Structures are given as C-alpha cells and as structure tokens.
Amino acid sequence: MRKLRKRRLHPHFCLRNRISVFLLLVAAILMASPAAAVDFDVKGTNVTLGGYLKAMLIYDSNGTVDTGPFDGDLIGGYDPPLDGTPNADKEDFRMTARESRLWVKTSTDTGKGILKTHIEGDFFGSADFDSETWSNSTSFRIRHAYGSLTRGSHVVTAGQNWSTFMDLAAGVPEMDLAGDPGFCFVRQTMIRYQHNLRPGHYFAAAIENPDRGLTATGPPPTGLIFTNAGESKETVPDFILKYFYATKTMTLSARGLVRQFDLTDAATDESDSAMGWGMGLSGSYKAGPVRFAATFMYGEGVGRYGGLGNIGGAGLTANNEVETVGFMGVNGGVTFALSDTLKWTVGAGWAENDDDAYNGTDAVLTGYATKTAIGYHTNLKWQVTPGFEWAIGVGQYEREVMNGEEGDMLRTQMYFKYDY
C-alpha cells in the first residue's frame, strides 16, 4: 500500500492562523462582554469599582500644539498656534491613552442619611519626567474626590467635584475632555448645599475654591503673558447659586456667581480689590431621535469658568487699580440618534474677552490675551456593545488675540473606548 505523506505546514502559515484565531476570539469577547463595574459590600457599605480604557488617535493639520500642560494631547478653541509661529503650518499624528480612568464609589446608609463618596482619576497629570521615546508614561491625577450626605430632600457635598456653575445636562458630546469654547468647564473643591424639590428639580448654593484665572502660559522668558497680573491673594471663596429643572424631554438651568479679586503690585506693594460676577443660562430638549443643547454665560471676571480659556478674570491697571475683564460665551449643538447604537453630533462654540480691558487707561490685558475663540466640531459615535464604543470626529478651532494676530488648526480624532 502506498503510504500517505504527512504535509508539513509552513511556520508562517501556522503563525498567521494563530493570530487570526486570537483576533477572532478577542472580537467575540468584545462583542459579548457587557459593561459592568465591580460591585460588592464591605461591612454595610456598598463599594463600586469602575472606569474605562480609551485609546485615542489624533491627527492635526494646518497647525498643531505640542506644549502646555497636556503636551497637545488635549486642546480647545483657545489653543491654536498663531500665524507665523513655528507650529502654525505643522502636521502631527499622535496616539495616547491618557484619558483612561479609574473610579471608586461607596454608598452607606448611616441611619441619619445616605453617605456617598466618589474618588476618580485619569492620567492627564504631568509627563515631564518621561518621554514618548521609551514608555509614554504620564502621571495619575485626581479628577473627583468628594463625599455627600443625603437626608430627605437635603444634600450636603464637600470635596472636589464639577463646579456648581456648570451644567453638564446641556453639554454637547465631544471626542475628548476639551472642545468648543463658551461652555463652563471647571472642577474644584467646594462645600455645596442642595435642596431637592423632586427628582431632577433642585436649588443649590455653594462656596468654591477661588482662583483669578490663567494669566500666562509656559515658563518665562519663552512663555506669553496675558494679563498685567500683580500678585493675587485669594481671601474669599467664590459664591454660586444654581437652579435646575428637568423632565423626560428637557432640562433648564440658571446660575449666578459672585467672586472677589485682591491684587498687589509687586514693585510698589500697593493693593486693590474688586468684585466680579457672572451668570449662566442653559438647557437641552429632546424631540424624538434629536437632542438640542445650548448654554450662554456672561459676566465680569468670570473668564476662568469659560472652559479652559487663556483668560485671567482681572488685572492691575497702570494706576494699580483692579479691573475685571468682561467675558461672554455661547455653546450649543444637536445630536441625531441614527439608531439605538449610532449617534451623530454637530456642535459649535464662541467666546470673547471684552477688548475694553486691552485699550485705554483701564487696560489690564496684553496683546497676547484671547480676544475671540471659535470652535466647530462633528463626531460619529457607535456603541458597538454595552462595553465597547468606537468614534470618529473632526474639529476646527480659530482664535484672535488682542493685538490682532490670528491662528487656526484642524484636528481629526478617532478612539476606541472599553468600559469596565
């Protein structure tokens, strides 16, 4: 009888097939895995662990950003390089996982109310100690760290959380943590009292950590100065009032803010103070598969609440008097639910510093301070499974500074997000 010869498989063929099988298994697991945080009890306290992994691909054309606290991994409408600067015409591709985050939540029935805590962080801390050359390491930072006690209709919160001046319910979906100008974006330590009239309907009052706002970028002598700053002494917290109302189809929020600036001229040791104020109005409305959202804010010295802006709320005039800077911002967008798992968003934002703070005897801003900032964006997000989201989007950002210089850039992004 003729013996059958065993056919030897080429090693590369085996390797390719093993890789294919592995990738198919990974895909099957991703398609089947639900998004589920870890939930367990410890001596009467419910503990929940969760977070997500997010891999972001970024391509900048017609200008890029490679400096600042986030090394260009995160930008907004206030960041495009000015025409004529080294980065104005550069292209850049980068990949990062810095937005990945972890959180721990607890809930305990104390007998005198429900005590909840929340601590959360991501990896947008400093990367100065490392490099993309060998490990791409960045440091962990606190995003939220607060506790709240709910007793009946009363809620007291203490710790670092979203500012009471924010309205997340009127936010427009973005690709990352930044986005179009004009939307309030601040996390800070606070003590807040909230009175719930019914679920989704409340009044809140808070004292929050004061800060004058960004006055310069980068270390001197290469950094740019935005405000004739003087030395700032924060002696009084920011005071904020908020009203929030929500139904199944709409939300509405009105907010007010009062703050104080205490500045001293370092050369003469002369001091002065001034009050700042701000107001915000925002809302959202859902009509079938379409959701609309818009927010408006205006005030004197309220610029740092305007969303990662290069805006100091006040500065010293030539006569060593404190003058506040007028600020206005508008942000909005619309999201279309194309299916149960596919959503398309179009959004825009605009913000402006009053140029009266640059001209005349009461000038406190330099020529490099933001005058206007504009952003437009669109994105498509696909919830492939409950625990896996894929998205792609593009944003155009433009700004003008007080001395008339302008800059713009285009950023295209794509991400893979895995919840756990």
Protein backbone atom coordinates (compact mmCIF):
# COMPACT_ATOMS: atom_id res chain seq x y z
CA MET A 1 0.00 0.00 0.00
CA ARG A 2 1.10 3.49 -0.70
CA LYS A 3 1.85 5.44 2.45
CA LEU A 4 0.21 8.78 2.86
CA ARG A 5 2.76 11.51 3.32
CA LYS A 6 2.17 13.99 6.10
CA ARG A 7 2.05 17.52 4.79
CA ARG A 8 4.14 19.96 6.79
CA LEU A 9 2.57 23.33 7.35
CA HIS A 10 4.78 26.32 6.83
CA PRO A 11 5.58 28.08 10.14
CA HIS A 12 4.39 31.43 8.80
CA PHE A 13 1.07 29.85 7.81
CA CYS A 14 0.61 28.50 11.35
CA LEU A 15 1.53 31.83 12.90
CA ARG A 16 -0.90 33.73 10.68
CA ASN A 17 -3.70 31.34 11.54
CA ARG A 18 -2.96 31.52 15.26
CA ILE A 19 -3.03 35.31 15.12
CA SER A 20 -6.30 35.20 13.15
CA VAL A 21 -7.89 32.85 15.68
CA PHE A 22 -6.67 35.05 18.55
CA LEU A 23 -8.09 38.20 16.96
CA LEU A 24 -11.40 36.46 16.29
CA LEU A 25 -11.57 35.38 19.94
CA VAL A 26 -10.82 38.92 21.13
CA ALA A 27 -13.50 40.30 18.82
CA ALA A 28 -16.01 37.71 20.06
CA ILE A 29 -15.25 38.58 23.69
CA LEU A 30 -15.65 42.30 22.99
CA MET A 31 -18.95 41.73 21.22
CA ALA A 32 -20.26 39.55 24.04
CA SER A 33 -18.94 41.40 27.09
CA PRO A 34 -21.34 43.75 28.86
CA ALA A 35 -20.12 46.92 30.54
CA ALA A 36 -20.15 46.07 34.23
CA ALA A 37 -18.38 47.68 37.15
CA VAL A 38 -17.32 45.55 40.11
CA ASP A 39 -19.87 45.83 42.91
CA PHE A 40 -19.54 44.39 46.44
CA ASP A 41 -20.39 45.08 50.11
CA VAL A 42 -17.95 45.78 52.94
CA LYS A 43 -19.48 45.93 56.44
CA GLY A 44 -22.67 47.61 55.30
CA THR A 45 -21.00 49.84 52.69
CA ASN A 46 -21.65 49.19 49.02
CA VAL A 47 -18.43 49.65 47.01
CA THR A 48 -18.34 50.02 43.24
CA LEU A 49 -15.15 49.96 41.14
CA GLY A 50 -15.19 51.11 37.53
CA GLY A 51 -13.72 53.23 34.79
CA TYR A 52 -12.68 52.85 31.18
CA LEU A 53 -9.72 52.42 28.85
CA LYS A 54 -9.57 54.84 25.93
CA ALA A 55 -7.09 54.74 23.05
CA MET A 56 -7.12 58.00 21.07
CA LEU A 57 -5.66 58.60 17.59
CA ILE A 58 -5.09 62.29 16.78
CA TYR A 59 -4.08 63.97 13.51
CA ASP A 60 -3.51 67.74 13.41
CA SER A 61 -3.35 69.54 10.06
CA ASN A 62 -2.79 73.22 9.37
CA GLY A 63 -1.12 73.67 12.74
CA THR A 64 -0.53 71.71 15.92
CA VAL A 65 0.06 72.15 19.65
CA ASP A 66 2.96 70.40 21.40
CA THR A 67 3.35 72.45 24.58
CA GLY A 68 1.25 73.34 27.59
CA PRO A 69 0.12 71.17 30.49
CA PHE A 70 -1.15 68.37 28.24
CA ASP A 71 1.57 68.46 25.53
CA GLY A 72 -1.08 68.80 22.81
CA ASP A 73 -2.92 65.60 23.76
CA LEU A 74 -5.81 67.81 24.83
CA ILE A 75 -6.68 71.14 23.18
CA GLY A 76 -9.62 73.51 22.94
CA GLY A 77 -10.68 76.56 21.00
CA TYR A 78 -8.22 78.79 22.89
CA ASP A 79 -5.14 76.84 21.81
CA PRO A 80 -4.49 77.12 18.01
CA PRO A 81 -0.97 78.38 17.19
CA LEU A 82 -0.87 81.94 15.89
CA ASP A 83 0.05 82.53 12.24
CA GLY A 84 3.78 82.95 11.79
CA THR A 85 4.73 80.89 14.86
CA PRO A 86 6.75 77.64 14.46
CA ASN A 87 3.73 75.32 14.84
CA ALA A 88 1.33 77.27 12.63
CA ASP A 89 1.77 75.15 9.49
CA LYS A 90 2.88 71.84 11.02
CA GLU A 91 1.15 68.48 10.73
CA ASP A 92 1.27 65.98 13.55
CA PHE A 93 -0.01 62.46 14.29
CA ARG A 94 -0.10 61.09 17.82
CA MET A 95 -1.68 58.28 19.83
CA THR A 96 -2.43 58.40 23.55
CA ALA A 97 -4.31 56.52 26.26
CA ARG A 98 -4.07 59.31 28.87
CA GLU A 99 -7.81 59.77 29.23
CA SER A 100 -8.21 56.24 30.63
CA ARG A 101 -9.59 56.45 34.15
CA LEU A 102 -10.41 54.64 37.37
CA TRP A 103 -13.04 55.41 39.98
CA VAL A 104 -14.26 54.08 43.30
CA LYS A 105 -17.72 54.88 44.67
CA THR A 106 -19.25 53.97 48.02
CA SER A 107 -22.75 54.22 49.49
CA THR A 108 -23.61 53.73 53.16
CA ASP A 109 -26.92 54.01 54.99
CA THR A 110 -25.82 55.76 58.20
CA GLY A 111 -29.26 55.86 59.79
CA LYS A 112 -29.10 59.65 59.52
CA GLY A 113 -28.93 59.71 55.75
CA ILE A 114 -27.21 58.10 52.78
CA LEU A 115 -23.47 58.83 52.74
CA LYS A 116 -21.83 58.55 49.33
CA THR A 117 -18.20 59.06 48.30
CA HIS A 118 -16.57 59.25 44.88
CA ILE A 119 -12.87 59.33 44.03
CA GLU A 120 -11.75 59.29 40.40
CA GLY A 121 -8.60 59.94 38.40
CA ASP A 122 -7.08 59.77 34.94
CA PHE A 123 -3.57 60.05 33.51
CA PHE A 124 -3.52 63.64 32.31
CA GLY A 125 -1.02 64.55 35.00
CA SER A 126 2.46 65.81 34.14
CA ALA A 127 4.60 63.89 31.66
CA ASP A 128 7.76 65.96 32.25
CA PHE A 129 9.62 63.03 33.82
CA ASP A 130 9.18 60.71 30.84
CA SER A 131 9.19 60.58 27.05
CA GLU A 132 7.39 59.04 24.09
CA THR A 133 10.77 57.60 23.16
CA TRP A 134 10.63 54.70 25.61
CA SER A 135 7.49 54.38 27.74
CA ASN A 136 4.89 57.13 27.11
CA SER A 137 4.30 57.27 30.86
CA THR A 138 2.20 60.02 32.38
CA SER A 139 1.17 60.58 35.96
CA PHE A 140 -2.15 59.88 37.66
CA ARG A 141 -4.19 62.92 38.76
CA ILE A 142 -7.32 63.47 40.81
CA ARG A 143 -10.45 64.41 38.88
CA HIS A 144 -13.07 63.99 41.58
CA ALA A 145 -12.77 63.38 45.32
CA TYR A 146 -15.89 64.21 47.29
CA GLY A 147 -18.50 62.93 49.69
CA SER A 148 -22.20 63.74 50.00
CA LEU A 149 -24.82 63.15 52.68
CA THR A 150 -28.45 62.92 51.58
CA ARG A 151 -31.17 63.20 54.21
CA GLY A 152 -34.64 63.51 52.78
CA SER A 153 -34.64 66.42 50.33
CA HIS A 154 -31.37 67.86 51.68
CA VAL A 155 -27.92 67.08 50.20
CA VAL A 156 -24.60 68.37 51.53
CA THR A 157 -21.49 67.82 49.39
CA ALA A 158 -17.86 68.53 50.29
CA GLY A 159 -14.77 67.87 48.17
CA GLN A 160 -13.65 68.25 44.56
CA ASN A 161 -16.43 67.95 42.02
CA TRP A 162 -17.85 69.69 38.95
CA SER A 163 -18.42 73.36 39.76
CA THR A 164 -21.97 74.33 40.69
CA PHE A 165 -21.68 76.91 37.88
CA MET A 166 -21.54 74.08 35.34
CA ASP A 167 -24.50 72.40 33.63
CA LEU A 168 -23.45 69.02 32.30
CA ALA A 169 -27.02 68.31 31.19
CA ALA A 170 -26.59 70.96 28.46
CA GLY A 171 -23.24 69.64 27.27
CA VAL A 172 -22.61 68.73 23.63
CA PRO A 173 -20.83 65.36 23.09
CA GLU A 174 -17.14 65.85 22.26
CA MET A 175 -14.33 63.47 21.33
CA ASP A 176 -12.17 64.23 24.38
CA LEU A 177 -12.13 66.35 27.53
CA ALA A 178 -11.78 69.73 25.81
CA GLY A 179 -13.83 71.07 22.93
CA ASP A 180 -15.51 74.17 21.64
CA PRO A 181 -15.25 77.47 23.58
CA GLY A 182 -18.03 79.04 25.61
CA PHE A 183 -19.00 76.06 27.77
CA CYS A 184 -18.31 76.22 31.51
CA PHE A 185 -15.77 73.53 32.44
CA VAL A 186 -14.35 73.66 35.98
CA ARG A 187 -13.65 71.09 38.69
CA GLN A 188 -12.73 72.38 42.12
CA THR A 189 -13.13 71.86 45.85
CA MET A 190 -16.39 73.12 47.31
CA ILE A 191 -18.97 72.91 50.03
CA ARG A 192 -22.45 72.74 48.49
CA TYR A 193 -25.96 72.54 49.85
CA GLN A 194 -28.71 71.24 47.55
CA HIS A 195 -32.45 71.18 48.22
CA ASN A 196 -34.33 68.69 46.05
CA LEU A 197 -37.87 69.77 45.21
CA ARG A 198 -38.39 66.48 43.38
CA PRO A 199 -36.14 64.14 41.35
CA GLY A 200 -34.35 66.29 38.76
CA HIS A 201 -35.54 69.58 40.25
CA TYR A 202 -33.44 71.45 42.82
CA PHE A 203 -31.85 74.62 44.15
CA ALA A 204 -28.16 74.65 45.14
CA ALA A 205 -25.82 77.09 46.89
CA ALA A 206 -22.06 76.66 47.17
CA ILE A 207 -18.79 78.20 48.22
CA GLU A 208 -15.97 77.11 45.92
CA ASN A 209 -12.20 77.42 45.62
CA PRO A 210 -11.24 80.88 44.26
CA ASP A 211 -8.63 81.49 41.57
CA ARG A 212 -8.02 84.54 39.39
CA GLY A 213 -7.61 82.52 36.19
CA LEU A 214 -4.81 81.82 33.74
CA THR A 215 -2.52 84.83 33.30
CA ALA A 216 0.41 83.32 31.38
CA THR A 217 1.45 80.20 29.51
CA GLY A 218 4.83 78.50 29.65
CA PRO A 219 7.83 79.46 31.77
CA PRO A 220 9.49 82.85 31.15
CA PRO A 221 11.17 84.11 29.10
CA THR A 222 9.59 81.98 26.35
CA GLY A 223 6.09 81.99 27.84
CA LEU A 224 3.46 84.55 26.91
CA ILE A 225 1.92 86.94 29.43
CA PHE A 226 -1.84 87.52 29.04
CA THR A 227 -2.65 89.79 31.98
CA ASN A 228 -0.93 92.59 33.90
CA ALA A 229 -1.30 90.32 36.83
CA GLY A 230 0.30 91.53 40.02
CA GLU A 231 0.29 89.18 42.99
CA SER A 232 -3.05 87.58 43.73
CA LYS A 233 -4.29 86.77 47.24
CA GLU A 234 -7.42 84.64 47.30
CA THR A 235 -9.09 85.59 50.58
CA VAL A 236 -12.78 84.95 49.81
CA PRO A 237 -14.36 81.87 48.19
CA ASP A 238 -16.47 82.09 45.05
CA PHE A 239 -20.22 82.11 45.85
CA ILE A 240 -22.55 80.30 43.44
CA LEU A 241 -26.32 79.82 43.25
CA LYS A 242 -27.98 77.35 40.87
CA TYR A 243 -31.49 76.36 39.82
CA PHE A 244 -32.02 73.15 37.84
CA TYR A 245 -35.22 71.71 36.37
CA ALA A 246 -35.60 68.56 34.29
CA THR A 247 -38.33 66.44 32.71
CA LYS A 248 -38.07 63.41 30.42
CA THR A 249 -37.65 65.64 27.38
CA MET A 250 -35.98 68.84 28.59
CA THR A 251 -33.58 70.44 31.10
CA LEU A 252 -33.21 74.06 32.18
CA SER A 253 -30.63 75.68 34.44
CA ALA A 254 -29.95 79.23 35.65
CA ARG A 255 -26.84 80.15 37.66
CA GLY A 256 -25.26 83.15 39.33
CA LEU A 257 -21.72 83.76 40.60
CA VAL A 258 -20.03 86.40 42.79
CA ARG A 259 -16.27 86.50 43.39
CA GLN A 260 -13.56 88.81 44.71
CA PHE A 261 -10.11 89.77 43.38
CA ASP A 262 -7.33 91.02 45.69
CA LEU A 263 -4.21 92.07 43.76
CA THR A 264 -0.93 93.69 44.83
CA ASP A 265 1.69 95.40 42.67
CA ALA A 266 4.98 93.66 43.42
CA ALA A 267 7.08 96.79 42.78
CA THR A 268 5.11 99.31 44.85
CA ASP A 269 3.32 96.97 47.25
CA GLU A 270 0.08 98.83 46.52
CA SER A 271 -3.06 96.70 46.84
CA ASP A 272 -6.57 96.95 45.50
CA SER A 273 -9.65 94.74 45.27
CA ALA A 274 -12.75 94.41 43.07
CA MET A 275 -15.81 92.22 42.81
CA GLY A 276 -16.57 90.02 39.84
CA TRP A 277 -19.85 88.41 38.85
CA GLY A 278 -21.26 86.03 36.30
CA MET A 279 -24.49 84.50 35.09
CA GLY A 280 -25.28 81.39 33.10
CA LEU A 281 -28.38 80.06 31.36
CA SER A 282 -28.54 76.68 29.64
CA GLY A 283 -30.86 73.92 28.58
CA SER A 284 -31.49 70.90 26.42
CA TYR A 285 -34.51 69.49 24.59
CA LYS A 286 -35.14 66.08 23.12
CA ALA A 287 -37.59 65.67 20.26
CA GLY A 288 -37.75 62.02 19.26
CA PRO A 289 -34.32 60.98 17.96
CA VAL A 290 -32.96 64.56 18.01
CA ARG A 291 -31.46 66.34 21.03
CA PHE A 292 -30.70 70.07 21.13
CA ALA A 293 -28.45 71.72 23.73
CA ALA A 294 -27.29 75.30 24.30
CA THR A 295 -25.59 77.35 27.00
CA PHE A 296 -24.90 81.05 27.49
CA MET A 297 -22.66 82.78 30.03
CA TYR A 298 -21.74 86.39 30.65
CA GLY A 299 -20.06 88.42 33.34
CA GLU A 300 -17.16 90.45 34.67
CA GLY A 301 -14.15 88.47 35.88
CA VAL A 302 -15.79 85.11 35.11
CA GLY A 303 -13.45 84.09 32.27
CA ARG A 304 -11.80 81.14 34.02
CA TYR A 305 -15.20 79.45 34.16
CA GLY A 306 -15.45 79.72 30.37
CA GLY A 307 -13.84 76.38 29.58
CA LEU A 308 -10.05 76.01 29.66
CA GLY A 309 -9.62 79.55 28.33
CA ASN A 310 -6.45 81.63 28.45
CA ILE A 311 -8.36 84.22 30.42
CA GLY A 312 -7.48 85.96 33.68
CA GLY A 313 -10.55 87.37 35.38
CA ALA A 314 -8.88 90.61 36.50
CA GLY A 315 -5.62 92.55 36.46
CA LEU A 316 -3.92 95.74 37.61
CA THR A 317 -4.10 98.95 35.62
CA ALA A 318 -1.18 101.38 35.28
CA ASN A 319 -2.60 103.15 38.35
CA ASN A 320 -2.53 99.90 40.35
CA GLU A 321 -6.31 99.57 40.37
CA VAL A 322 -8.01 96.22 39.90
CA GLU A 323 -10.16 95.99 36.78
CA THR A 324 -12.25 92.94 35.91
CA VAL A 325 -12.37 91.54 32.37
CA GLY A 326 -15.73 91.23 30.62
CA PHE A 327 -16.43 87.77 29.18
CA MET A 328 -19.18 86.25 27.06
CA GLY A 329 -19.58 82.70 25.76
CA VAL A 330 -22.13 80.72 23.73
CA ASN A 331 -22.04 76.98 23.11
CA GLY A 332 -24.50 74.53 21.58
CA GLY A 333 -25.18 71.65 19.27
CA VAL A 334 -27.54 68.96 18.06
CA THR A 335 -27.26 65.17 18.29
CA PHE A 336 -29.10 62.81 15.94
CA ALA A 337 -29.78 59.24 17.09
CA LEU A 338 -29.39 57.45 13.75
CA SER A 339 -30.13 54.15 15.50
CA ASP A 340 -30.17 52.71 19.02
CA THR A 341 -26.35 52.50 18.94
CA LEU A 342 -25.25 55.15 16.43
CA LYS A 343 -25.25 58.92 17.17
CA TRP A 344 -24.08 61.87 15.09
CA THR A 345 -23.34 65.25 16.72
CA VAL A 346 -22.70 68.71 15.28
CA GLY A 347 -21.66 71.47 17.68
CA ALA A 348 -20.06 74.92 17.89
CA GLY A 349 -18.92 77.47 20.45
CA TRP A 350 -17.80 81.08 20.64
CA ALA A 351 -16.19 83.10 23.44
CA GLU A 352 -14.94 86.69 23.73
CA ASN A 353 -12.96 88.85 26.12
CA ASP A 354 -14.06 92.47 26.17
CA ASP A 355 -11.36 94.47 24.37
CA ASP A 356 -12.03 97.43 26.69
CA ALA A 357 -9.69 95.56 29.03
CA TYR A 358 -6.91 95.99 26.44
CA ASN A 359 -7.44 99.57 25.29
CA GLY A 360 -7.32 102.81 27.27
CA THR A 361 -6.30 103.77 30.77
CA ASP A 362 -8.07 100.79 32.36
CA ALA A 363 -6.16 98.22 30.29
CA VAL A 364 -5.16 95.05 32.14
CA LEU A 365 -4.72 92.63 29.22
CA THR A 366 -1.66 92.29 26.98
CA GLY A 367 -1.70 91.85 23.23
CA TYR A 368 -1.48 88.05 23.58
CA ALA A 369 -4.66 87.67 25.61
CA THR A 370 -7.57 85.97 23.86
CA LYS A 371 -9.99 88.32 22.11
CA THR A 372 -12.25 85.78 20.41
CA ALA A 373 -12.19 81.98 20.17
CA ILE A 374 -14.38 79.88 17.89
CA GLY A 375 -14.74 76.13 17.54
CA TYR A 376 -16.80 73.81 15.34
CA HIS A 377 -16.92 70.04 15.57
CA THR A 378 -18.74 66.96 14.42
CA ASN A 379 -18.44 63.36 15.52
CA LEU A 380 -19.98 59.95 14.95
CA LYS A 381 -20.17 57.56 17.92
CA TRP A 382 -21.04 53.88 17.64
CA GLN A 383 -21.84 51.86 20.78
CA VAL A 384 -20.71 48.54 19.33
CA THR A 385 -21.51 46.65 22.56
CA PRO A 386 -22.55 47.87 26.03
CA GLY A 387 -18.85 47.91 26.97
CA PHE A 388 -17.20 48.99 23.71
CA GLU A 389 -17.55 52.32 21.86
CA TRP A 390 -15.89 53.50 18.65
CA ALA A 391 -15.94 57.12 17.49
CA ILE A 392 -14.50 59.40 14.83
CA GLY A 393 -14.70 63.17 14.58
CA VAL A 394 -13.16 66.41 13.39
CA GLY A 395 -12.87 69.87 14.96
CA GLN A 396 -11.90 73.26 13.54
CA TYR A 397 -10.55 75.86 16.01
CA GLU A 398 -9.83 79.55 15.42
CA ARG A 399 -8.73 82.38 17.69
CA GLU A 400 -7.72 86.03 17.60
CA VAL A 401 -5.66 87.78 20.27
CA MET A 402 -5.90 91.39 21.35
CA ASN A 403 -3.07 92.65 19.12
CA GLY A 404 -4.90 91.37 16.02
CA GLU A 405 -2.90 88.19 15.39
CA GLU A 406 -4.89 85.12 14.42
CA GLY A 407 -4.45 81.36 14.25
CA ASP A 408 -6.38 78.23 13.39
CA MET A 409 -5.99 74.47 13.20
CA LEU A 410 -7.90 71.33 12.21
CA ARG A 411 -7.91 68.23 14.44
CA THR A 412 -9.18 64.80 13.35
CA GLN A 413 -9.66 62.15 16.03
CA MET A 414 -10.68 58.53 16.42
CA TYR A 415 -10.95 56.47 19.59
CA PHE A 416 -11.62 53.01 20.96
CA LYS A 417 -13.21 53.02 24.42
CA TYR A 418 -13.64 49.99 26.69
CA ASP A 419 -15.80 50.40 29.80
CA TYR A 420 -15.39 48.17 32.81
